[in-house]
Amino acid sequence: METVDGKVAVVTGAASGIGRAMADRFAAAGMKVVMADIELAALEAAVGEVTATGAEAVAVRTDVAQASEIEALRDSAVDTFGGVHVVCNNAGVAGGGLLWEITPEDWAWVMGVNLWGVIHGVRTFVPLLREQGEGHVVNTASMAGLTSPAFMGVYNVTKHAVVTLSETLFAELAMEGSGVGVSVLCPGWVNTRIGDSERNRPADLPGRLPPEGMPEDGPGLREVLNTFLQSGLDPADVADQVLDAILAKRFYILTHPEWNGMISARVERIVSGQDPNLAFLPSE
């Protein structure tokens, strides 16, 4: 896309964090924004702040794990603004602990949001974008989708899946000569509330994520995660990179170039037959 001015963006997970920052950035660029999130009160407050700047934005409460709600999100966007041009499948939750301790319910919850939310977004919006002959899809993965840090297994699995889903989508659209672009966002530590994801865990879902999961006598996983997140990149910086990638039709959005060596090292270990690196993701 050469310009986004006057176009329509749909952003999931838009009430806070990276999603909120993308909504702000798109609005500042002249886009109309459909903001989706499962937290209705926070979503409505966010939309109020965006529209207070003079931008056009609407709130659509959405559980991305439900295909019917993503379809309703698409219909709402089309009914309100007449179309969709940029789709950011961004909603996500955190999950961790030792792989053999994670409950089936926890697997289902994290995969429902992080992976099925993206799958539903692709299935629902890509046909619309293809039909109109233009548009761009941004799928939020993570550096955890390009590496495999310990104690983050359920999260890693979903983010690796989002990376390969996005790469496959890019290839299939390119092979048909489509005007629809694709990007996969792989951020490192960003100052968001993803460490408090359990605030959105369904109340009727049995089981809970393990409170610990780090080596015995070590700090809790959540404490370590929140420490890294609080010192992370400003979400607004990530949103700037996302918009730049859309305009440049760039596929990989790697927000922390100083971490790229970890990706190279992983690939080198694979092709040379070495065991995986045991290091945890860096703090900076």
Foldseek 3Di string as FASTA:
>chain_A
DQAQAAAEEEFEPCLWFLNVLLQLVSQVRHYAYEYEYQPVVSQVVSLVVSCVVVGHYDYQYADLLDLVRLLVSQVVRCVVRNAHAEYELEDAAAAWAAPVPDDPLNLCVRCSRLASSVVSNCVRRVVRCQVVQHHEYEYEAAVLLLAPAHGRVSNSVSRVNSVVVQVVVQVVCVVVVGNYFYAYEHEYAAQIVSLVRCVPPDPPRDDDGDQARDPPPDDRPSVVNNVLNNPHHYSNQSSVQVVVCSNVSNHYRYPDVVCVVLSVVQVVCVVVVHDGDHDHDDSD
